[in-house]
């Protein structure tokens, strides 16, 4: 089996992304060495796209993709209660429902953002909605002109959806910040770390398994509220962890940290 390298990834991005769709504004990857290597970072800088690294054990870093997946899972669960193993059979129907529905963040459907008008639903055809009756009276040239008008207005709809997303993010952030106590750490500070993955149990302790381990020492402050850390013996971990998985360590007066 051939092991992927930074050169393979660069070739893939050139062939399947840049040469087909143009230069992206940003690309999000995990923290594998092939994505964090100097060769890949130099390639991103030379082309001109921003390189964003998602973080392990912090799904929120994946943004909209994670939120969309949660919605799709909820829809699928409602359709497979009697036969959970058949989830794949309703996946296409689930995606169709998601793309046709109006989303609270954009206040329109993904279909409308792509084509400039709402999708024609089956019930409109079977019941003969007002839109169907008016469309049947149009000649080909009039229908073509109306579709072109929709495309002309498409940029306006997309900009409006972007404004709605920004306003929704500000509203959610304001509500979230009122409930959350912010944690900040500095280099050299001692911390406890959550045992990952969250909820894992040690067979030796069962239900009484500890939830925190350490202490660890913060070695470097990374972007997006993440930190690199090491053991007190100097063994450093290569992946940064979000601050929500740390808490301040208060050593006992009986513990000699030297």
C-alpha atoms as a PDB file:
ATOM      1  CA  UNK A   1       0.000   0.000   0.000  1.00  0.00           C
ATOM      2  CA  UNK A   2       1.406   3.366  -1.039  1.00  0.00           C
ATOM      3  CA  UNK A   3       1.817   5.869   1.799  1.00  0.00           C
ATOM      4  CA  UNK A   4       0.619   9.386   0.984  1.00  0.00           C
ATOM      5  CA  UNK A   5       3.152  12.200   1.186  1.00  0.00           C
ATOM      6  CA  UNK A   6       2.965  15.976   0.981  1.00  0.00           C
ATOM      7  CA  UNK A   7       3.904  15.757  -2.691  1.00  0.00           C
ATOM      8  CA  UNK A   8       0.949  13.427  -3.372  1.00  0.00           C
ATOM      9  CA  UNK A   9      -1.431  15.797  -1.605  1.00  0.00           C
ATOM     10  CA  UNK A  10      -0.098  18.805  -3.514  1.00  0.00           C
ATOM     11  CA  UNK A  11      -0.549  16.943  -6.805  1.00  0.00           C
ATOM     12  CA  UNK A  12      -4.117  16.014  -5.826  1.00  0.00           C
ATOM     13  CA  UNK A  13      -5.023  19.607  -4.918  1.00  0.00           C
ATOM     14  CA  UNK A  14      -3.582  20.913  -8.185  1.00  0.00           C
ATOM     15  CA  UNK A  15      -5.367  18.354 -10.364  1.00  0.00           C
ATOM     16  CA  UNK A  16      -8.727  17.979  -8.624  1.00  0.00           C
ATOM     17  CA  UNK A  17      -9.278  21.408  -7.045  1.00  0.00           C
ATOM     18  CA  UNK A  18      -7.215  24.228  -8.572  1.00  0.00           C
ATOM     19  CA  UNK A  19      -7.260  23.060 -12.225  1.00  0.00           C
ATOM     20  CA  UNK A  20     -10.981  22.241 -12.043  1.00  0.00           C
ATOM     21  CA  UNK A  21     -12.527  24.896  -9.802  1.00  0.00           C
ATOM     22  CA  UNK A  22      -9.854  27.552  -9.379  1.00  0.00           C
ATOM     23  CA  UNK A  23      -7.822  28.661  -6.356  1.00  0.00           C
ATOM     24  CA  UNK A  24      -9.791  28.193  -3.111  1.00  0.00           C
ATOM     25  CA  UNK A  25      -9.877  30.858  -0.418  1.00  0.00           C
ATOM     26  CA  UNK A  26      -8.920  28.295   2.252  1.00  0.00           C
ATOM     27  CA  UNK A  27      -8.431  24.552   2.744  1.00  0.00           C
ATOM     28  CA  UNK A  28      -9.167  22.839   6.067  1.00  0.00           C
ATOM     29  CA  UNK A  29      -7.129  19.768   7.020  1.00  0.00           C
ATOM     30  CA  UNK A  30      -6.317  17.782  10.139  1.00  0.00           C
ATOM     31  CA  UNK A  31      -2.907  17.908  11.821  1.00  0.00           C
ATOM     32  CA  UNK A  32      -1.273  15.024   9.967  1.00  0.00           C
ATOM     33  CA  UNK A  33       2.388  15.575   9.099  1.00  0.00           C
ATOM     34  CA  UNK A  34       1.659  15.679   5.365  1.00  0.00           C
ATOM     35  CA  UNK A  35      -0.486  18.805   5.961  1.00  0.00           C
ATOM     36  CA  UNK A  36       1.725  20.503   8.548  1.00  0.00           C
ATOM     37  CA  UNK A  37       5.005  19.987   6.667  1.00  0.00           C
ATOM     38  CA  UNK A  38       6.984  22.973   5.427  1.00  0.00           C
ATOM     39  CA  UNK A  39       6.593  21.716   1.856  1.00  0.00           C
ATOM     40  CA  UNK A  40       2.797  21.884   2.066  1.00  0.00           C
ATOM     41  CA  UNK A  41       2.818  25.246   3.866  1.00  0.00           C
ATOM     42  CA  UNK A  42       5.138  26.690   1.187  1.00  0.00           C
ATOM     43  CA  UNK A  43       2.785  25.374  -1.507  1.00  0.00           C
ATOM     44  CA  UNK A  44      -0.235  27.062   0.147  1.00  0.00           C
ATOM     45  CA  UNK A  45       1.687  30.344   0.433  1.00  0.00           C
ATOM     46  CA  UNK A  46       2.839  30.225  -3.208  1.00  0.00           C
ATOM     47  CA  UNK A  47      -0.676  29.597  -4.541  1.00  0.00           C
ATOM     48  CA  UNK A  48      -2.309  32.069  -2.169  1.00  0.00           C
ATOM     49  CA  UNK A  49      -4.876  30.095  -0.189  1.00  0.00           C
ATOM     50  CA  UNK A  50      -5.211  30.035   3.592  1.00  0.00           C
ATOM     51  CA  UNK A  51      -4.366  26.796   5.403  1.00  0.00           C
ATOM     52  CA  UNK A  52      -6.633  25.935   8.349  1.00  0.00           C
ATOM     53  CA  UNK A  53      -6.040  22.953  10.642  1.00  0.00           C
ATOM     54  CA  UNK A  54      -8.990  21.335  12.384  1.00  0.00           C
ATOM     55  CA  UNK A  55      -8.321  19.996  15.857  1.00  0.00           C
ATOM     56  CA  UNK A  56      -8.758  16.487  17.302  1.00  0.00           C
ATOM     57  CA  UNK A  57     -11.438  16.040  19.976  1.00  0.00           C
ATOM     58  CA  UNK A  58     -12.949  19.405  19.112  1.00  0.00           C
ATOM     59  CA  UNK A  59     -15.595  18.916  16.463  1.00  0.00           C
ATOM     60  CA  UNK A  60     -16.656  22.576  16.609  1.00  0.00           C
ATOM     61  CA  UNK A  61     -13.487  23.423  14.685  1.00  0.00           C
ATOM     62  CA  UNK A  62     -15.078  21.826  11.637  1.00  0.00           C
ATOM     63  CA  UNK A  63     -17.792  24.475  11.695  1.00  0.00           C
ATOM     64  CA  UNK A  64     -20.713  24.170   9.341  1.00  0.00           C
ATOM     65  CA  UNK A  65     -19.847  20.649   8.172  1.00  0.00           C
ATOM     66  CA  UNK A  66     -20.269  19.278  11.693  1.00  0.00           C
ATOM     67  CA  UNK A  67     -23.551  21.140  12.221  1.00  0.00           C
ATOM     68  CA  UNK A  68     -24.902  19.858   8.901  1.00  0.00           C
ATOM     69  CA  UNK A  69     -23.960  16.275   9.761  1.00  0.00           C
ATOM     70  CA  UNK A  70     -25.849  16.502  13.053  1.00  0.00           C
ATOM     71  CA  UNK A  71     -29.007  17.648  11.245  1.00  0.00           C
ATOM     72  CA  UNK A  72     -28.726  14.825   8.692  1.00  0.00           C
ATOM     73  CA  UNK A  73     -28.304  12.255  11.469  1.00  0.00           C
ATOM     74  CA  UNK A  74     -31.449  13.514  13.224  1.00  0.00           C
ATOM     75  CA  UNK A  75     -33.481  13.226  10.013  1.00  0.00           C
ATOM     76  CA  UNK A  76     -32.175   9.714   9.305  1.00  0.00           C
ATOM     77  CA  UNK A  77     -32.987   8.546  12.857  1.00  0.00           C
ATOM     78  CA  UNK A  78     -36.641   9.514  12.379  1.00  0.00           C
ATOM     79  CA  UNK A  79     -36.886   7.305   9.288  1.00  0.00           C
ATOM     80  CA  UNK A  80     -35.095   4.144  10.467  1.00  0.00           C
ATOM     81  CA  UNK A  81     -36.639   3.458  13.870  1.00  0.00           C
ATOM     82  CA  UNK A  82     -38.010   0.086  12.752  1.00  0.00           C
ATOM     83  CA  UNK A  83     -34.946  -1.004  10.776  1.00  0.00           C
ATOM     84  CA  UNK A  84     -31.764   0.907  11.786  1.00  0.00           C
ATOM     85  CA  UNK A  85     -29.546  -1.147   9.479  1.00  0.00           C
ATOM     86  CA  UNK A  86     -31.258   0.367   6.424  1.00  0.00           C
ATOM     87  CA  UNK A  87     -30.000   3.901   7.100  1.00  0.00           C
ATOM     88  CA  UNK A  88     -28.225   4.041   3.734  1.00  0.00           C
ATOM     89  CA  UNK A  89     -31.515   3.519   1.888  1.00  0.00           C
ATOM     90  CA  UNK A  90     -32.886   6.863   3.137  1.00  0.00           C
ATOM     91  CA  UNK A  91     -29.674   8.872   2.746  1.00  0.00           C
ATOM     92  CA  UNK A  92     -30.592  10.287  -0.680  1.00  0.00           C
ATOM     93  CA  UNK A  93     -34.046  11.267   0.541  1.00  0.00           C
ATOM     94  CA  UNK A  94     -32.504  12.884   3.623  1.00  0.00           C
ATOM     95  CA  UNK A  95     -30.071  14.936   1.545  1.00  0.00           C
ATOM     96  CA  UNK A  96     -32.932  16.021  -0.724  1.00  0.00           C
ATOM     97  CA  UNK A  97     -34.960  17.191   2.290  1.00  0.00           C
ATOM     98  CA  UNK A  98     -31.979  19.077   3.694  1.00  0.00           C
ATOM     99  CA  UNK A  99     -31.267  20.856   0.406  1.00  0.00           C
ATOM    100  CA  UNK A 100     -34.894  21.847  -0.177  1.00  0.00           C
ATOM    101  CA  UNK A 101     -35.613  23.136   3.356  1.00  0.00           C
ATOM    102  CA  UNK A 102     -35.208  26.744   4.446  1.00  0.00           C
ATOM    103  CA  UNK A 103     -32.312  27.053   6.930  1.00  0.00           C
ATOM    104  CA  UNK A 104     -32.499  29.332   9.931  1.00  0.00           C
ATOM    105  CA  UNK A 105     -28.976  30.700   9.508  1.00  0.00           C
ATOM    106  CA  UNK A 106     -29.344  31.712   5.826  1.00  0.00           C
ATOM    107  CA  UNK A 107     -33.168  32.102   5.806  1.00  0.00           C
ATOM    108  CA  UNK A 108     -33.302  30.279   2.493  1.00  0.00           C
ATOM    109  CA  UNK A 109     -32.619  26.791   1.125  1.00  0.00           C
ATOM    110  CA  UNK A 110     -29.291  25.535  -0.296  1.00  0.00           C
ATOM    111  CA  UNK A 111     -31.137  24.837  -3.558  1.00  0.00           C
ATOM    112  CA  UNK A 112     -32.152  28.499  -3.828  1.00  0.00           C
ATOM    113  CA  UNK A 113     -28.561  29.626  -3.218  1.00  0.00           C
ATOM    114  CA  UNK A 114     -27.387  27.471  -6.131  1.00  0.00           C
ATOM    115  CA  UNK A 115     -30.108  28.059  -8.743  1.00  0.00           C
ATOM    116  CA  UNK A 116     -31.643  31.391  -7.728  1.00  0.00           C
ATOM    117  CA  UNK A 117     -35.190  30.126  -7.157  1.00  0.00           C
ATOM    118  CA  UNK A 118     -37.036  27.668  -4.935  1.00  0.00           C
ATOM    119  CA  UNK A 119     -37.317  24.027  -5.951  1.00  0.00           C
ATOM    120  CA  UNK A 120     -40.523  22.680  -7.485  1.00  0.00           C
ATOM    121  CA  UNK A 121     -41.908  20.233  -4.907  1.00  0.00           C
ATOM    122  CA  UNK A 122     -43.965  17.133  -5.845  1.00  0.00           C
ATOM    123  CA  UNK A 123     -47.077  18.337  -4.013  1.00  0.00           C
ATOM    124  CA  UNK A 124     -47.125  21.502  -6.146  1.00  0.00           C
ATOM    125  CA  UNK A 125     -47.336  19.412  -9.292  1.00  0.00           C
ATOM    126  CA  UNK A 126     -49.955  16.973  -7.983  1.00  0.00           C
ATOM    127  CA  UNK A 127     -52.214  19.663  -6.464  1.00  0.00           C
ATOM    128  CA  UNK A 128     -51.568  22.326  -9.073  1.00  0.00           C
ATOM    129  CA  UNK A 129     -50.181  25.235  -7.084  1.00  0.00           C
ATOM    130  CA  UNK A 130     -50.454  28.859  -8.179  1.00  0.00           C
ATOM    131  CA  UNK A 131     -46.850  28.784  -9.379  1.00  0.00           C
ATOM    132  CA  UNK A 132     -47.611  25.765 -11.593  1.00  0.00           C
ATOM    133  CA  UNK A 133     -50.712  27.332 -13.095  1.00  0.00           C
ATOM    134  CA  UNK A 134     -48.871  30.561 -13.927  1.00  0.00           C
ATOM    135  CA  UNK A 135     -45.885  28.719 -15.345  1.00  0.00           C
ATOM    136  CA  UNK A 136     -48.069  26.644 -17.688  1.00  0.00           C
ATOM    137  CA  UNK A 137     -49.336  29.857 -19.312  1.00  0.00           C
ATOM    138  CA  UNK A 138     -45.855  31.097 -20.203  1.00  0.00           C
ATOM    139  CA  UNK A 139     -44.351  30.698 -23.623  1.00  0.00           C
ATOM    140  CA  UNK A 140     -40.755  29.468 -23.956  1.00  0.00           C
ATOM    141  CA  UNK A 141     -39.200  32.924 -24.421  1.00  0.00           C
ATOM    142  CA  UNK A 142     -40.974  34.410 -21.388  1.00  0.00           C
ATOM    143  CA  UNK A 143     -39.953  31.440 -19.244  1.00  0.00           C
ATOM    144  CA  UNK A 144     -36.342  31.820 -20.401  1.00  0.00           C
ATOM    145  CA  UNK A 145     -36.321  35.525 -19.526  1.00  0.00           C
ATOM    146  CA  UNK A 146     -37.722  34.856 -16.066  1.00  0.00           C
ATOM    147  CA  UNK A 147     -35.005  32.254 -15.395  1.00  0.00           C
ATOM    148  CA  UNK A 148     -32.334  34.721 -16.521  1.00  0.00           C
ATOM    149  CA  UNK A 149     -33.786  37.358 -14.180  1.00  0.00           C
ATOM    150  CA  UNK A 150     -33.509  34.861 -11.319  1.00  0.00           C
ATOM    151  CA  UNK A 151     -29.831  34.311 -12.156  1.00  0.00           C
ATOM    152  CA  UNK A 152     -29.228  38.067 -12.198  1.00  0.00           C
ATOM    153  CA  UNK A 153     -30.670  38.302  -8.685  1.00  0.00           C
ATOM    154  CA  UNK A 154     -28.666  35.287  -7.466  1.00  0.00           C
ATOM    155  CA  UNK A 155     -25.672  37.313  -6.239  1.00  0.00           C
ATOM    156  CA  UNK A 156     -27.994  39.514  -4.215  1.00  0.00           C
ATOM    157  CA  UNK A 157     -29.587  36.462  -2.551  1.00  0.00           C
ATOM    158  CA  UNK A 158     -26.171  35.012  -1.737  1.00  0.00           C
ATOM    159  CA  UNK A 159     -24.932  38.262  -0.201  1.00  0.00           C
ATOM    160  CA  UNK A 160     -28.127  38.506   1.822  1.00  0.00           C
ATOM    161  CA  UNK A 161     -27.657  34.921   3.040  1.00  0.00           C
ATOM    162  CA  UNK A 162     -24.065  35.772   4.050  1.00  0.00           C
ATOM    163  CA  UNK A 163     -25.318  38.746   6.063  1.00  0.00           C
ATOM    164  CA  UNK A 164     -27.870  36.490   7.784  1.00  0.00           C
ATOM    165  CA  UNK A 165     -25.150  33.970   8.670  1.00  0.00           C
ATOM    166  CA  UNK A 166     -22.939  36.672  10.187  1.00  0.00           C
ATOM    167  CA  UNK A 167     -25.846  38.099  12.205  1.00  0.00           C
ATOM    168  CA  UNK A 168     -26.766  34.611  13.415  1.00  0.00           C
ATOM    169  CA  UNK A 169     -23.171  33.895  14.485  1.00  0.00           C
ATOM    170  CA  UNK A 170     -23.039  37.129  16.475  1.00  0.00           C
ATOM    171  CA  UNK A 171     -26.312  36.272  18.202  1.00  0.00           C
ATOM    172  CA  UNK A 172     -25.189  32.734  19.092  1.00  0.00           C
ATOM    173  CA  UNK A 173     -21.737  33.927  20.245  1.00  0.00           C
ATOM    174  CA  UNK A 174     -23.333  36.514  22.512  1.00  0.00           C
ATOM    175  CA  UNK A 175     -25.579  33.892  24.117  1.00  0.00           C
ATOM    176  CA  UNK A 176     -22.702  31.397  24.426  1.00  0.00           C
ATOM    177  CA  UNK A 177     -20.281  33.917  25.971  1.00  0.00           C
ATOM    178  CA  UNK A 178     -22.818  34.821  28.639  1.00  0.00           C
ATOM    179  CA  UNK A 179     -22.882  31.197  29.806  1.00  0.00           C
ATOM    180  CA  UNK A 180     -19.224  30.237  29.430  1.00  0.00           C
ATOM    181  CA  UNK A 181     -16.377  31.045  31.747  1.00  0.00           C
ATOM    182  CA  UNK A 182     -13.335  31.688  29.599  1.00  0.00           C
ATOM    183  CA  UNK A 183     -10.133  29.778  30.320  1.00  0.00           C
ATOM    184  CA  UNK A 184      -6.727  31.149  29.408  1.00  0.00           C
ATOM    185  CA  UNK A 185      -3.304  29.695  30.117  1.00  0.00           C
ATOM    186  CA  UNK A 186       0.220  30.950  29.658  1.00  0.00           C
ATOM    187  CA  UNK A 187       3.463  29.169  28.736  1.00  0.00           C
ATOM    188  CA  UNK A 188       4.927  27.245  31.640  1.00  0.00           C
ATOM    189  CA  UNK A 189       1.631  27.035  33.516  1.00  0.00           C
ATOM    190  CA  UNK A 190       0.616  23.670  35.019  1.00  0.00           C
ATOM    191  CA  UNK A 191      -2.735  22.202  33.995  1.00  0.00           C
ATOM    192  CA  UNK A 192      -4.948  19.146  34.279  1.00  0.00           C
ATOM    193  CA  UNK A 193      -6.082  17.567  30.987  1.00  0.00           C
ATOM    194  CA  UNK A 194      -9.294  15.673  30.281  1.00  0.00           C
ATOM    195  CA  UNK A 195      -8.717  11.970  29.590  1.00  0.00           C
ATOM    196  CA  UNK A 196      -9.524  11.527  25.904  1.00  0.00           C
ATOM    197  CA  UNK A 197     -11.672  10.305  24.326  1.00  0.00           C
ATOM    198  CA  UNK A 198     -14.233  11.843  26.674  1.00  0.00           C
ATOM    199  CA  UNK A 199     -16.173   9.240  28.630  1.00  0.00           C
ATOM    200  CA  UNK A 200     -13.588   6.461  28.335  1.00  0.00           C
ATOM    201  CA  UNK A 201     -13.324   4.132  31.333  1.00  0.00           C
ATOM    202  CA  UNK A 202     -10.335   2.347  32.834  1.00  0.00           C
ATOM    203  CA  UNK A 203     -11.029  -1.358  33.400  1.00  0.00           C
ATOM    204  CA  UNK A 204      -9.216  -1.155  36.736  1.00  0.00           C
ATOM    205  CA  UNK A 205     -11.557   1.481  38.159  1.00  0.00           C
ATOM    206  CA  UNK A 206     -14.822   1.014  36.236  1.00  0.00           C
ATOM    207  CA  UNK A 207     -17.363   3.740  37.048  1.00  0.00           C
ATOM    208  CA  UNK A 208     -14.837   5.400  39.357  1.00  0.00           C
ATOM    209  CA  UNK A 209     -12.370   6.022  36.534  1.00  0.00           C
ATOM    210  CA  UNK A 210     -10.759   9.486  36.759  1.00  0.00           C
ATOM    211  CA  UNK A 211     -11.791  12.121  34.232  1.00  0.00           C
ATOM    212  CA  UNK A 212      -8.593  14.202  34.454  1.00  0.00           C
ATOM    213  CA  UNK A 213      -4.900  13.359  34.226  1.00  0.00           C
ATOM    214  CA  UNK A 214      -1.679  15.257  34.753  1.00  0.00           C
ATOM    215  CA  UNK A 215      -0.243  17.604  35.652  1.00  0.00           C
ATOM    216  CA  UNK A 216       1.063  18.847  32.312  1.00  0.00           C
ATOM    217  CA  UNK A 217       2.964  21.991  31.442  1.00  0.00           C
ATOM    218  CA  UNK A 218       1.829  24.390  28.713  1.00  0.00           C
ATOM    219  CA  UNK A 219       4.670  24.818  26.208  1.00  0.00           C
ATOM    220  CA  UNK A 220       3.157  26.998  23.500  1.00  0.00           C
ATOM    221  CA  UNK A 221       0.018  28.987  22.795  1.00  0.00           C
ATOM    222  CA  UNK A 222      -1.417  28.067  19.371  1.00  0.00           C
ATOM    223  CA  UNK A 223      -4.091  29.804  17.254  1.00  0.00           C
ATOM    224  CA  UNK A 224      -7.842  29.196  17.736  1.00  0.00           C
ATOM    225  CA  UNK A 225      -7.646  28.885  21.543  1.00  0.00           C
ATOM    226  CA  UNK A 226      -5.439  25.795  21.534  1.00  0.00           C
ATOM    227  CA  UNK A 227      -2.288  24.852  23.429  1.00  0.00           C
ATOM    228  CA  UNK A 228       0.691  22.542  23.053  1.00  0.00           C
ATOM    229  CA  UNK A 229       1.713  20.783  26.252  1.00  0.00           C
ATOM    230  CA  UNK A 230       4.286  18.396  27.742  1.00  0.00           C
ATOM    231  CA  UNK A 231       4.759  16.157  30.764  1.00  0.00           C
ATOM    232  CA  UNK A 232       6.778  17.348  33.733  1.00  0.00           C
ATOM    233  CA  UNK A 233       9.579  15.088  32.473  1.00  0.00           C
ATOM    234  CA  UNK A 234       9.775  17.117  29.237  1.00  0.00           C
ATOM    235  CA  UNK A 235       7.961  14.744  26.836  1.00  0.00           C
ATOM    236  CA  UNK A 236       6.104  17.073  24.467  1.00  0.00           C
ATOM    237  CA  UNK A 237       2.950  16.129  22.550  1.00  0.00           C
ATOM    238  CA  UNK A 238       2.836  17.054  18.856  1.00  0.00           C
ATOM    239  CA  UNK A 239      -0.862  17.937  18.657  1.00  0.00           C
ATOM    240  CA  UNK A 240      -2.512  20.992  20.152  1.00  0.00           C
ATOM    241  CA  UNK A 241      -5.645  20.607  22.296  1.00  0.00           C
ATOM    242  CA  UNK A 242      -8.464  23.104  22.698  1.00  0.00           C
ATOM    243  CA  UNK A 243      -8.518  25.034  25.965  1.00  0.00           C
ATOM    244  CA  UNK A 244     -11.860  23.496  27.011  1.00  0.00           C
ATOM    245  CA  UNK A 245      -9.984  20.259  27.792  1.00  0.00           C
ATOM    246  CA  UNK A 246      -7.626  21.918  30.273  1.00  0.00           C
ATOM    247  CA  UNK A 247      -8.102  23.323  33.751  1.00  0.00           C
ATOM    248  CA  UNK A 248      -5.652  25.011  36.096  1.00  0.00           C
ATOM    249  CA  UNK A 249      -3.539  22.764  38.306  1.00  0.00           C
ATOM    250  CA  UNK A 250      -3.002  23.821  41.919  1.00  0.00           C
ATOM    251  CA  UNK A 251      -0.118  21.800  43.395  1.00  0.00           C
ATOM    252  CA  UNK A 252      -0.255  20.642  46.981  1.00  0.00           C
ATOM    253  CA  UNK A 253       2.212  22.108  49.433  1.00  0.00           C
ATOM    254  CA  UNK A 254       3.409  18.536  49.999  1.00  0.00           C
ATOM    255  CA  UNK A 255       4.337  18.018  46.323  1.00  0.00           C
ATOM    256  CA  UNK A 256       7.871  18.925  45.249  1.00  0.00           C
ATOM    257  CA  UNK A 257       7.653  19.975  41.582  1.00  0.00           C
ATOM    258  CA  UNK A 258      11.370  20.496  41.258  1.00  0.00           C
END
